[in-house]
Amino acid sequence: MVNFCIACRDLSLSSCPRGRRREAFTLIELLVVIAVIAILAAILLPALSRAKEAGRSVACRSNLRQLQLCWQMYADDYAGMMVPNDWIATLSVSTNGTMTPQDMAQTSWCAGNALVDTDTSNIQQGLLFPYNKSTAIYHCPSDFSTIVDAKQNPLPQLRTRSYNMSQSVNGYGWMIDEQLGYPVDTFQPCFQKCTSITNPPPSQLFVFIDENEATLQDDQFGYPMANFGYGSWWDMPSNRHNQGANLSFADGHVEHWRWRAPMIFTGYFQAVTPAQMPDYVRVGNAMRQKLVDWNAD
C-alpha cells in the first residue's frame, strides 16, 4: 500500500517536499524545547553547585583532621604541652601610603601573614610542619581569596593558608601586648596543657577553624571576653561552605557548623548583628571564657 501526500496526491509521502517538511520541528516546537532545557538547567545547576561545594567541604574537613592530628602528636612529644600559638600580625601605614606588616611574634605552629605571603615558607617554619609536610592541608579548597600587595591591591595568586587556631589553645600567653602593656593572657585566656582543658571539655573546645578570608591574616582566631569587647567580631568564621564553616576539636573530631545568618565582613571589630548573635555565642562557648581581671593565670 502506497502512502500519498494529501497536498500533492500524485507523489509518495517520502518523495514529496511538503511531506518531508512536515517531519521537521517547527520554530515554535524548537523554542518550547529550548525553554524546557533552560528550566531544567535552572533547577539542576544550583543543586549541582551545592553538591560540588559539599565535596570541597569534605576535603576541607579532611585537611582539618590532619592538622588536628599534628596538633595532638606535638602535645604527645612535649608532655602534653600544646604547640605555641603566638604569631599576631598587624599592619601599619607609612607616610607614602604603603602597608607594612608589624608582627608581634614568637615561634608558633605557623608563621607569617596569609594576606601577603607569596609562598609557603612561613608554613614550613611552623612547629607543626614536621608532623605533616604537605602544605596543601593548610588551604581550604573552597577558599578562592587571593593575596594583596603592599598597597592592598589584590593579586591573582591564591593564599597559602585558610585556617587559624583558637586563642584558647596556648595562644600568646605571657607575651606583653605592646598597646596595653599587659600579658595577653589577661584578656585572652588560654589553656597551655591538654590536661588543663576542663571548661569547655576537649570534645567542645575547638582548635582549628575555617576562618573568613576577610579577617584571616595571622595564625590566631581571637574572640573577646564577656567584659572586654564582647559583642564584636575580632575574627570571623568563614561563610564559604554553604553558609557555614568547619572546625576541629581538642578530642580529635571535626564538625561542620552551618550559620543561621551569613558571616559577611563589613569592617574590623564590627558589631555582631542580632541575627548572628546565636552563632556568636556558639563560637564563644567553644572557647575558654574568663572575665578579664587584668591578672594572668
C-alpha atoms as a PDB file:
ATOM      1  CA  MET A   1       0.000   0.000   0.000  1.00  0.00           C
ATOM      2  CA  VAL A   2       1.425   3.418  -1.023  1.00  0.00           C
ATOM      3  CA  ASN A   3       1.013   6.470   1.195  1.00  0.00           C
ATOM      4  CA  PHE A   4       0.248   9.625  -0.824  1.00  0.00           C
ATOM      5  CA  CYS A   5       0.793  13.190   0.223  1.00  0.00           C
ATOM      6  CA  ILE A   6      -2.535  14.914   0.752  1.00  0.00           C
ATOM      7  CA  ALA A   7      -1.183  18.164  -0.691  1.00  0.00           C
ATOM      8  CA  CYS A   8       0.282  16.629  -3.885  1.00  0.00           C
ATOM      9  CA  ARG A   9      -1.792  13.414  -4.206  1.00  0.00           C
ATOM     10  CA  ASP A  10       0.346  12.144  -7.070  1.00  0.00           C
ATOM     11  CA  LEU A  11       3.579  11.912  -5.038  1.00  0.00           C
ATOM     12  CA  SER A  12       4.501   9.479  -2.325  1.00  0.00           C
ATOM     13  CA  LEU A  13       4.893  10.927   1.151  1.00  0.00           C
ATOM     14  CA  SER A  14       8.603  10.081   1.204  1.00  0.00           C
ATOM     15  CA  SER A  15       9.365  11.971  -2.022  1.00  0.00           C
ATOM     16  CA  CYS A  16       7.064  14.970  -1.553  1.00  0.00           C
ATOM     17  CA  PRO A  17       8.945  18.124  -0.421  1.00  0.00           C
ATOM     18  CA  ARG A  18       5.926  19.250   1.586  1.00  0.00           C
ATOM     19  CA  GLY A  19       5.702  15.862   3.248  1.00  0.00           C
ATOM     20  CA  ARG A  20       9.344  15.940   4.204  1.00  0.00           C
ATOM     21  CA  ARG A  21       8.936  19.397   5.733  1.00  0.00           C
ATOM     22  CA  ARG A  22       6.153  18.057   7.933  1.00  0.00           C
ATOM     23  CA  GLU A  23       8.655  15.617   9.508  1.00  0.00           C
ATOM     24  CA  ALA A  24      10.910  18.513  10.835  1.00  0.00           C
ATOM     25  CA  PHE A  25      10.446  20.580  14.008  1.00  0.00           C
ATOM     26  CA  THR A  26       8.670  23.879  13.685  1.00  0.00           C
ATOM     27  CA  LEU A  27      10.174  27.046  15.144  1.00  0.00           C
ATOM     28  CA  ILE A  28       7.632  27.024  17.954  1.00  0.00           C
ATOM     29  CA  GLU A  29       8.497  23.428  18.823  1.00  0.00           C
ATOM     30  CA  LEU A  30      12.206  24.294  18.944  1.00  0.00           C
ATOM     31  CA  LEU A  31      11.510  27.242  21.205  1.00  0.00           C
ATOM     32  CA  VAL A  32       9.488  25.022  23.534  1.00  0.00           C
ATOM     33  CA  VAL A  33      12.345  22.515  23.728  1.00  0.00           C
ATOM     34  CA  ILE A  34      14.847  25.293  24.445  1.00  0.00           C
ATOM     35  CA  ALA A  35      12.587  26.700  27.159  1.00  0.00           C
ATOM     36  CA  VAL A  36      12.255  23.277  28.790  1.00  0.00           C
ATOM     37  CA  ILE A  37      16.042  22.810  28.748  1.00  0.00           C
ATOM     38  CA  ALA A  38      16.512  26.261  30.287  1.00  0.00           C
ATOM     39  CA  ILE A  39      14.023  25.448  33.069  1.00  0.00           C
ATOM     40  CA  LEU A  40      15.720  22.137  33.801  1.00  0.00           C
ATOM     41  CA  ALA A  41      19.133  23.841  33.886  1.00  0.00           C
ATOM     42  CA  ALA A  42      17.828  26.472  36.296  1.00  0.00           C
ATOM     43  CA  ILE A  43      16.581  23.683  38.553  1.00  0.00           C
ATOM     44  CA  LEU A  44      19.633  21.423  38.335  1.00  0.00           C
ATOM     45  CA  LEU A  45      22.575  23.853  38.292  1.00  0.00           C
ATOM     46  CA  PRO A  46      22.100  25.151  41.866  1.00  0.00           C
ATOM     47  CA  ALA A  47      21.806  21.573  43.092  1.00  0.00           C
ATOM     48  CA  LEU A  48      24.995  20.637  41.213  1.00  0.00           C
ATOM     49  CA  SER A  49      26.754  23.687  42.626  1.00  0.00           C
ATOM     50  CA  ARG A  50      25.742  22.727  46.174  1.00  0.00           C
ATOM     51  CA  ALA A  51      26.898  19.161  45.565  1.00  0.00           C
ATOM     52  CA  LYS A  52      30.260  20.409  44.289  1.00  0.00           C
ATOM     53  CA  GLU A  53      30.656  22.633  47.343  1.00  0.00           C
ATOM     54  CA  ALA A  54      29.712  19.730  49.602  1.00  0.00           C
ATOM     55  CA  GLY A  55      32.595  17.767  48.087  1.00  0.00           C
ATOM     56  CA  ARG A  56      35.025  20.629  48.737  1.00  0.00           C
ATOM     57  CA  SER A  57      33.741  20.876  52.299  1.00  0.00           C
ATOM     58  CA  VAL A  58      34.553  17.191  52.838  1.00  0.00           C
ATOM     59  CA  ALA A  59      38.098  17.840  51.580  1.00  0.00           C
ATOM     60  CA  CYS A  60      38.342  20.812  53.946  1.00  0.00           C
ATOM     61  CA  ARG A  61      37.339  18.666  56.907  1.00  0.00           C
ATOM     62  CA  SER A  62      39.984  16.140  55.865  1.00  0.00           C
ATOM     63  CA  ASN A  63      42.592  18.934  55.995  1.00  0.00           C
ATOM     64  CA  LEU A  64      41.463  19.878  59.490  1.00  0.00           C
ATOM     65  CA  ARG A  65      41.631  16.263  60.663  1.00  0.00           C
ATOM     66  CA  GLN A  66      45.243  16.082  59.520  1.00  0.00           C
ATOM     67  CA  LEU A  67      46.147  19.366  61.192  1.00  0.00           C
ATOM     68  CA  GLN A  68      44.394  18.230  64.351  1.00  0.00           C
ATOM     69  CA  LEU A  69      46.435  15.016  64.311  1.00  0.00           C
ATOM     70  CA  CYS A  70      49.620  17.094  64.006  1.00  0.00           C
ATOM     71  CA  TRP A  71      48.481  19.185  66.985  1.00  0.00           C
ATOM     72  CA  GLN A  72      47.956  16.051  69.065  1.00  0.00           C
ATOM     73  CA  MET A  73      51.287  14.491  68.061  1.00  0.00           C
ATOM     74  CA  TYR A  74      53.115  17.658  69.104  1.00  0.00           C
ATOM     75  CA  ALA A  75      51.447  17.529  72.530  1.00  0.00           C
ATOM     76  CA  ASP A  76      52.371  13.858  72.848  1.00  0.00           C
ATOM     77  CA  ASP A  77      56.007  14.717  72.150  1.00  0.00           C
ATOM     78  CA  TYR A  78      56.094  17.560  74.698  1.00  0.00           C
ATOM     79  CA  ALA A  79      54.475  16.004  77.776  1.00  0.00           C
ATOM     80  CA  GLY A  80      51.014  17.318  76.964  1.00  0.00           C
ATOM     81  CA  MET A  81      52.104  20.916  76.309  1.00  0.00           C
ATOM     82  CA  MET A  82      50.175  22.369  73.387  1.00  0.00           C
ATOM     83  CA  VAL A  83      52.002  23.798  70.408  1.00  0.00           C
ATOM     84  CA  PRO A  84      52.541  27.576  70.804  1.00  0.00           C
ATOM     85  CA  ASN A  85      50.052  29.790  69.021  1.00  0.00           C
ATOM     86  CA  ASP A  86      51.975  33.044  69.187  1.00  0.00           C
ATOM     87  CA  TRP A  87      52.016  34.890  65.881  1.00  0.00           C
ATOM     88  CA  ILE A  88      49.932  38.060  65.743  1.00  0.00           C
ATOM     89  CA  ALA A  89      50.118  40.288  62.676  1.00  0.00           C
ATOM     90  CA  THR A  90      49.198  43.949  62.339  1.00  0.00           C
ATOM     91  CA  LEU A  91      49.642  46.453  59.530  1.00  0.00           C
ATOM     92  CA  SER A  92      50.992  49.967  59.885  1.00  0.00           C
ATOM     93  CA  VAL A  93      50.607  52.696  57.267  1.00  0.00           C
ATOM     94  CA  SER A  94      53.725  54.598  56.279  1.00  0.00           C
ATOM     95  CA  THR A  95      53.830  58.208  55.042  1.00  0.00           C
ATOM     96  CA  ASN A  96      53.829  57.105  51.402  1.00  0.00           C
ATOM     97  CA  GLY A  97      50.681  55.032  51.863  1.00  0.00           C
ATOM     98  CA  THR A  98      52.253  51.561  51.849  1.00  0.00           C
ATOM     99  CA  MET A  99      51.127  48.941  54.345  1.00  0.00           C
ATOM    100  CA  THR A 100      53.948  47.368  56.336  1.00  0.00           C
ATOM    101  CA  PRO A 101      53.430  44.172  58.349  1.00  0.00           C
ATOM    102  CA  GLN A 102      54.223  44.601  62.028  1.00  0.00           C
ATOM    103  CA  ASP A 103      54.298  41.200  63.702  1.00  0.00           C
ATOM    104  CA  MET A 104      54.297  40.511  67.429  1.00  0.00           C
ATOM    105  CA  ALA A 105      55.663  37.034  67.018  1.00  0.00           C
ATOM    106  CA  GLN A 106      57.268  34.094  68.703  1.00  0.00           C
ATOM    107  CA  THR A 107      57.875  30.581  67.444  1.00  0.00           C
ATOM    108  CA  SER A 108      54.432  29.236  66.607  1.00  0.00           C
ATOM    109  CA  TRP A 109      52.505  26.424  64.956  1.00  0.00           C
ATOM    110  CA  CYS A 110      52.529  28.549  61.797  1.00  0.00           C
ATOM    111  CA  ALA A 111      54.242  31.815  60.958  1.00  0.00           C
ATOM    112  CA  GLY A 112      53.542  34.660  58.582  1.00  0.00           C
ATOM    113  CA  ASN A 113      50.622  36.682  57.325  1.00  0.00           C
ATOM    114  CA  ALA A 114      48.268  34.810  54.990  1.00  0.00           C
ATOM    115  CA  LEU A 115      47.150  38.084  53.426  1.00  0.00           C
ATOM    116  CA  VAL A 116      50.578  38.825  51.935  1.00  0.00           C
ATOM    117  CA  ASP A 117      52.572  35.558  51.953  1.00  0.00           C
ATOM    118  CA  THR A 118      53.626  34.724  48.402  1.00  0.00           C
ATOM    119  CA  ASP A 119      54.914  31.224  49.161  1.00  0.00           C
ATOM    120  CA  THR A 120      54.697  28.502  51.799  1.00  0.00           C
ATOM    121  CA  SER A 121      57.999  29.248  53.555  1.00  0.00           C
ATOM    122  CA  ASN A 122      56.217  30.598  56.651  1.00  0.00           C
ATOM    123  CA  ILE A 123      54.110  27.452  56.870  1.00  0.00           C
ATOM    124  CA  GLN A 124      57.277  25.368  56.641  1.00  0.00           C
ATOM    125  CA  GLN A 125      58.774  27.319  59.552  1.00  0.00           C
ATOM    126  CA  GLY A 126      55.845  26.360  61.765  1.00  0.00           C
ATOM    127  CA  LEU A 127      56.205  23.863  64.602  1.00  0.00           C
ATOM    128  CA  LEU A 128      53.519  21.547  63.173  1.00  0.00           C
ATOM    129  CA  PHE A 129      55.067  21.224  59.717  1.00  0.00           C
ATOM    130  CA  PRO A 130      57.473  18.370  60.672  1.00  0.00           C
ATOM    131  CA  TYR A 131      54.453  16.200  61.541  1.00  0.00           C
ATOM    132  CA  ASN A 132      52.930  16.531  58.066  1.00  0.00           C
ATOM    133  CA  LYS A 133      54.995  18.117  55.305  1.00  0.00           C
ATOM    134  CA  SER A 134      52.097  18.736  52.954  1.00  0.00           C
ATOM    135  CA  THR A 135      51.458  22.476  52.639  1.00  0.00           C
ATOM    136  CA  ALA A 136      48.183  21.708  50.852  1.00  0.00           C
ATOM    137  CA  ILE A 137      46.443  20.778  54.128  1.00  0.00           C
ATOM    138  CA  TYR A 138      46.697  24.416  55.244  1.00  0.00           C
ATOM    139  CA  HIS A 139      44.438  25.646  52.441  1.00  0.00           C
ATOM    140  CA  CYS A 140      40.683  25.117  52.098  1.00  0.00           C
ATOM    141  CA  PRO A 141      39.671  24.061  48.546  1.00  0.00           C
ATOM    142  CA  SER A 142      36.706  26.456  48.736  1.00  0.00           C
ATOM    143  CA  ASP A 143      38.907  29.426  49.610  1.00  0.00           C
ATOM    144  CA  PHE A 144      39.353  31.402  46.398  1.00  0.00           C
ATOM    145  CA  SER A 145      40.658  34.551  48.084  1.00  0.00           C
ATOM    146  CA  THR A 146      43.977  35.955  46.895  1.00  0.00           C
ATOM    147  CA  ILE A 147      46.908  37.762  48.442  1.00  0.00           C
ATOM    148  CA  VAL A 148      47.464  41.526  48.214  1.00  0.00           C
ATOM    149  CA  ASP A 149      50.474  43.721  47.560  1.00  0.00           C
ATOM    150  CA  ALA A 150      51.971  46.348  49.883  1.00  0.00           C
ATOM    151  CA  LYS A 151      49.233  48.835  48.943  1.00  0.00           C
ATOM    152  CA  GLN A 152      46.441  46.306  49.499  1.00  0.00           C
ATOM    153  CA  ASN A 153      45.837  45.811  45.783  1.00  0.00           C
ATOM    154  CA  PRO A 154      44.596  42.273  45.058  1.00  0.00           C
ATOM    155  CA  LEU A 155      46.911  39.909  43.221  1.00  0.00           C
ATOM    156  CA  PRO A 156      45.846  36.797  41.239  1.00  0.00           C
ATOM    157  CA  GLN A 157      47.713  34.328  43.490  1.00  0.00           C
ATOM    158  CA  LEU A 158      45.646  32.252  45.908  1.00  0.00           C
ATOM    159  CA  ARG A 159      46.523  32.408  49.581  1.00  0.00           C
ATOM    160  CA  THR A 160      48.618  29.643  51.087  1.00  0.00           C
ATOM    161  CA  ARG A 161      46.528  29.268  54.267  1.00  0.00           C
ATOM    162  CA  SER A 162      42.817  29.292  55.191  1.00  0.00           C
ATOM    163  CA  TYR A 163      42.804  28.080  58.799  1.00  0.00           C
ATOM    164  CA  ASN A 164      43.519  29.641  62.166  1.00  0.00           C
ATOM    165  CA  MET A 165      43.983  28.257  65.652  1.00  0.00           C
ATOM    166  CA  SER A 166      41.824  29.324  68.596  1.00  0.00           C
ATOM    167  CA  GLN A 167      43.396  31.770  71.030  1.00  0.00           C
ATOM    168  CA  SER A 168      42.179  29.364  73.743  1.00  0.00           C
ATOM    169  CA  VAL A 169      44.874  26.791  72.942  1.00  0.00           C
ATOM    170  CA  ASN A 170      48.233  28.161  74.103  1.00  0.00           C
ATOM    171  CA  GLY A 171      47.602  31.457  72.380  1.00  0.00           C
ATOM    172  CA  TYR A 172      50.002  34.299  73.008  1.00  0.00           C
ATOM    173  CA  GLY A 173      50.077  33.687  76.776  1.00  0.00           C
ATOM    174  CA  TRP A 174      52.827  35.584  78.578  1.00  0.00           C
ATOM    175  CA  MET A 175      53.727  37.822  75.677  1.00  0.00           C
ATOM    176  CA  ILE A 176      53.291  41.514  76.567  1.00  0.00           C
ATOM    177  CA  ASP A 177      50.789  43.370  74.415  1.00  0.00           C
ATOM    178  CA  GLU A 178      52.602  46.488  73.195  1.00  0.00           C
ATOM    179  CA  GLN A 179      49.486  48.675  73.284  1.00  0.00           C
ATOM    180  CA  LEU A 180      48.027  47.629  76.642  1.00  0.00           C
ATOM    181  CA  GLY A 181      51.226  46.765  78.478  1.00  0.00           C
ATOM    182  CA  TYR A 182      49.742  43.568  79.955  1.00  0.00           C
ATOM    183  CA  PRO A 183      50.393  39.892  79.222  1.00  0.00           C
ATOM    184  CA  VAL A 184      47.945  38.828  76.556  1.00  0.00           C
ATOM    185  CA  ASP A 185      46.636  36.046  78.795  1.00  0.00           C
ATOM    186  CA  THR A 186      44.970  38.685  80.962  1.00  0.00           C
ATOM    187  CA  PHE A 187      42.378  39.409  78.269  1.00  0.00           C
ATOM    188  CA  GLN A 188      42.700  36.341  76.030  1.00  0.00           C
ATOM    189  CA  PRO A 189      42.826  33.421  78.490  1.00  0.00           C
ATOM    190  CA  CYS A 190      44.120  30.148  77.151  1.00  0.00           C
ATOM    191  CA  PHE A 191      44.915  26.565  78.107  1.00  0.00           C
ATOM    192  CA  GLN A 192      48.563  25.544  77.884  1.00  0.00           C
ATOM    193  CA  LYS A 193      48.453  21.809  78.603  1.00  0.00           C
ATOM    194  CA  CYS A 194      45.957  19.255  77.344  1.00  0.00           C
ATOM    195  CA  THR A 195      45.243  18.128  80.906  1.00  0.00           C
ATOM    196  CA  SER A 196      44.125  21.666  81.810  1.00  0.00           C
ATOM    197  CA  ILE A 197      41.231  21.636  79.328  1.00  0.00           C
ATOM    198  CA  THR A 198      38.165  21.390  81.537  1.00  0.00           C
ATOM    199  CA  ASN A 199      35.689  24.137  80.661  1.00  0.00           C
ATOM    200  CA  PRO A 200      34.726  23.591  77.943  1.00  0.00           C
ATOM    201  CA  PRO A 201      35.822  19.935  77.788  1.00  0.00           C
ATOM    202  CA  PRO A 202      38.031  18.673  74.918  1.00  0.00           C
ATOM    203  CA  SER A 203      35.036  17.465  72.912  1.00  0.00           C
ATOM    204  CA  GLN A 204      33.623  21.017  72.895  1.00  0.00           C
ATOM    205  CA  LEU A 205      36.800  23.124  72.651  1.00  0.00           C
ATOM    206  CA  PHE A 206      37.673  23.900  69.050  1.00  0.00           C
ATOM    207  CA  VAL A 207      41.319  24.090  67.988  1.00  0.00           C
ATOM    208  CA  PHE A 208      41.324  24.909  64.263  1.00  0.00           C
ATOM    209  CA  ILE A 209      38.662  26.924  62.461  1.00  0.00           C
ATOM    210  CA  ASP A 210      37.921  27.649  58.838  1.00  0.00           C
ATOM    211  CA  GLU A 211      38.301  31.441  59.103  1.00  0.00           C
ATOM    212  CA  ASN A 212      36.669  34.113  56.972  1.00  0.00           C
ATOM    213  CA  GLU A 213      39.056  35.266  54.268  1.00  0.00           C
ATOM    214  CA  ALA A 214      38.300  38.904  55.160  1.00  0.00           C
ATOM    215  CA  THR A 215      39.804  38.587  58.661  1.00  0.00           C
ATOM    216  CA  LEU A 216      42.442  35.894  58.131  1.00  0.00           C
ATOM    217  CA  GLN A 217      45.941  37.319  58.471  1.00  0.00           C
ATOM    218  CA  ASP A 218      47.929  35.972  61.429  1.00  0.00           C
ATOM    219  CA  ASP A 219      47.661  32.436  62.805  1.00  0.00           C
ATOM    220  CA  GLN A 220      45.262  33.028  65.723  1.00  0.00           C
ATOM    221  CA  PHE A 221      41.455  33.244  65.930  1.00  0.00           C
ATOM    222  CA  GLY A 222      40.606  35.889  68.519  1.00  0.00           C
ATOM    223  CA  TYR A 223      37.390  36.323  70.488  1.00  0.00           C
ATOM    224  CA  PRO A 224      36.565  38.865  73.249  1.00  0.00           C
ATOM    225  CA  MET A 225      35.645  38.090  76.822  1.00  0.00           C
ATOM    226  CA  ALA A 226      32.246  38.936  78.322  1.00  0.00           C
ATOM    227  CA  ASN A 227      33.508  42.150  79.945  1.00  0.00           C
ATOM    228  CA  PHE A 228      36.105  43.181  77.378  1.00  0.00           C
ATOM    229  CA  GLY A 229      34.981  43.984  73.832  1.00  0.00           C
ATOM    230  CA  TYR A 230      32.123  41.497  73.855  1.00  0.00           C
ATOM    231  CA  GLY A 231      29.609  41.807  71.029  1.00  0.00           C
ATOM    232  CA  SER A 232      32.123  42.401  68.243  1.00  0.00           C
ATOM    233  CA  TRP A 233      33.947  40.113  65.853  1.00  0.00           C
ATOM    234  CA  TRP A 234      37.698  40.136  66.427  1.00  0.00           C
ATOM    235  CA  ASP A 235      37.981  37.389  63.828  1.00  0.00           C
ATOM    236  CA  MET A 236      35.101  35.916  61.855  1.00  0.00           C
ATOM    237  CA  PRO A 237      34.370  32.303  60.832  1.00  0.00           C
ATOM    238  CA  SER A 238      34.172  31.546  57.140  1.00  0.00           C
ATOM    239  CA  ASN A 239      30.923  31.588  55.211  1.00  0.00           C
ATOM    240  CA  ARG A 240      32.079  29.638  52.181  1.00  0.00           C
ATOM    241  CA  HIS A 241      30.704  26.158  52.909  1.00  0.00           C
ATOM    242  CA  ASN A 242      27.036  26.749  52.077  1.00  0.00           C
ATOM    243  CA  GLN A 243      26.864  29.463  54.753  1.00  0.00           C
ATOM    244  CA  GLY A 244      28.971  27.518  57.182  1.00  0.00           C
ATOM    245  CA  ALA A 245      32.470  26.682  58.391  1.00  0.00           C
ATOM    246  CA  ASN A 246      34.440  23.637  59.533  1.00  0.00           C
ATOM    247  CA  LEU A 247      36.081  23.267  62.936  1.00  0.00           C
ATOM    248  CA  SER A 248      38.302  20.663  64.609  1.00  0.00           C
ATOM    249  CA  PHE A 249      38.145  19.913  68.322  1.00  0.00           C
ATOM    250  CA  ALA A 250      40.646  19.027  71.040  1.00  0.00           C
ATOM    251  CA  ASP A 251      39.441  15.424  71.249  1.00  0.00           C
ATOM    252  CA  GLY A 252      40.267  14.951  67.544  1.00  0.00           C
ATOM    253  CA  HIS A 253      36.878  15.115  65.817  1.00  0.00           C
ATOM    254  CA  VAL A 254      35.802  17.621  63.138  1.00  0.00           C
ATOM    255  CA  GLU A 255      32.415  19.272  62.653  1.00  0.00           C
ATOM    256  CA  HIS A 256      30.638  21.391  60.062  1.00  0.00           C
ATOM    257  CA  TRP A 257      28.704  24.304  61.536  1.00  0.00           C
ATOM    258  CA  ARG A 258      26.030  25.981  59.455  1.00  0.00           C
ATOM    259  CA  TRP A 259      25.263  29.566  60.416  1.00  0.00           C
ATOM    260  CA  ARG A 260      21.796  30.969  60.985  1.00  0.00           C
ATOM    261  CA  ALA A 261      22.846  34.231  59.335  1.00  0.00           C
ATOM    262  CA  PRO A 262      25.594  34.859  56.754  1.00  0.00           C
ATOM    263  CA  MET A 263      29.042  35.757  58.058  1.00  0.00           C
ATOM    264  CA  ILE A 264      29.603  38.885  55.972  1.00  0.00           C
ATOM    265  CA  PHE A 265      32.580  41.097  56.789  1.00  0.00           C
ATOM    266  CA  THR A 266      31.950  44.860  56.857  1.00  0.00           C
ATOM    267  CA  GLY A 267      34.914  46.098  58.899  1.00  0.00           C
ATOM    268  CA  TYR A 268      37.347  45.113  61.613  1.00  0.00           C
ATOM    269  CA  PHE A 269      35.842  44.744  65.094  1.00  0.00           C
ATOM    270  CA  GLN A 270      32.378  45.036  63.567  1.00  0.00           C
ATOM    271  CA  ALA A 271      29.371  44.668  65.814  1.00  0.00           C
ATOM    272  CA  VAL A 272      27.602  41.329  65.860  1.00  0.00           C
ATOM    273  CA  THR A 273      24.165  41.597  64.258  1.00  0.00           C
ATOM    274  CA  PRO A 274      21.110  40.286  66.134  1.00  0.00           C
ATOM    275  CA  ALA A 275      20.775  37.516  63.544  1.00  0.00           C
ATOM    276  CA  GLN A 276      24.409  36.457  64.100  1.00  0.00           C
ATOM    277  CA  MET A 277      24.241  36.515  67.897  1.00  0.00           C
ATOM    278  CA  PRO A 278      23.207  32.839  68.405  1.00  0.00           C
ATOM    279  CA  ASP A 279      26.205  31.707  66.347  1.00  0.00           C
ATOM    280  CA  TYR A 280      28.464  34.258  68.039  1.00  0.00           C
ATOM    281  CA  VAL A 281      27.543  32.755  71.394  1.00  0.00           C
ATOM    282  CA  ARG A 282      28.028  29.255  69.978  1.00  0.00           C
ATOM    283  CA  VAL A 283      31.582  30.067  68.868  1.00  0.00           C
ATOM    284  CA  GLY A 284      32.372  31.642  72.242  1.00  0.00           C
ATOM    285  CA  ASN A 285      31.060  28.604  74.097  1.00  0.00           C
ATOM    286  CA  ALA A 286      33.614  26.500  72.205  1.00  0.00           C
ATOM    287  CA  MET A 287      36.467  28.626  73.608  1.00  0.00           C
ATOM    288  CA  ARG A 288      37.851  29.384  77.058  1.00  0.00           C
ATOM    289  CA  GLN A 289      35.825  32.154  78.725  1.00  0.00           C
ATOM    290  CA  LYS A 290      37.007  34.086  81.762  1.00  0.00           C
ATOM    291  CA  LEU A 291      36.156  37.571  82.987  1.00  0.00           C
ATOM    292  CA  VAL A 292      39.035  39.981  82.444  1.00  0.00           C
ATOM    293  CA  ASP A 293      40.557  40.989  85.780  1.00  0.00           C
ATOM    294  CA  TRP A 294      43.965  42.003  84.342  1.00  0.00           C
ATOM    295  CA  ASN A 295      45.674  39.162  86.175  1.00  0.00           C
ATOM    296  CA  ALA A 296      47.367  36.461  84.137  1.00  0.00           C
ATOM    297  CA  ASP A 297      46.819  32.838  85.133  1.00  0.00           C
END
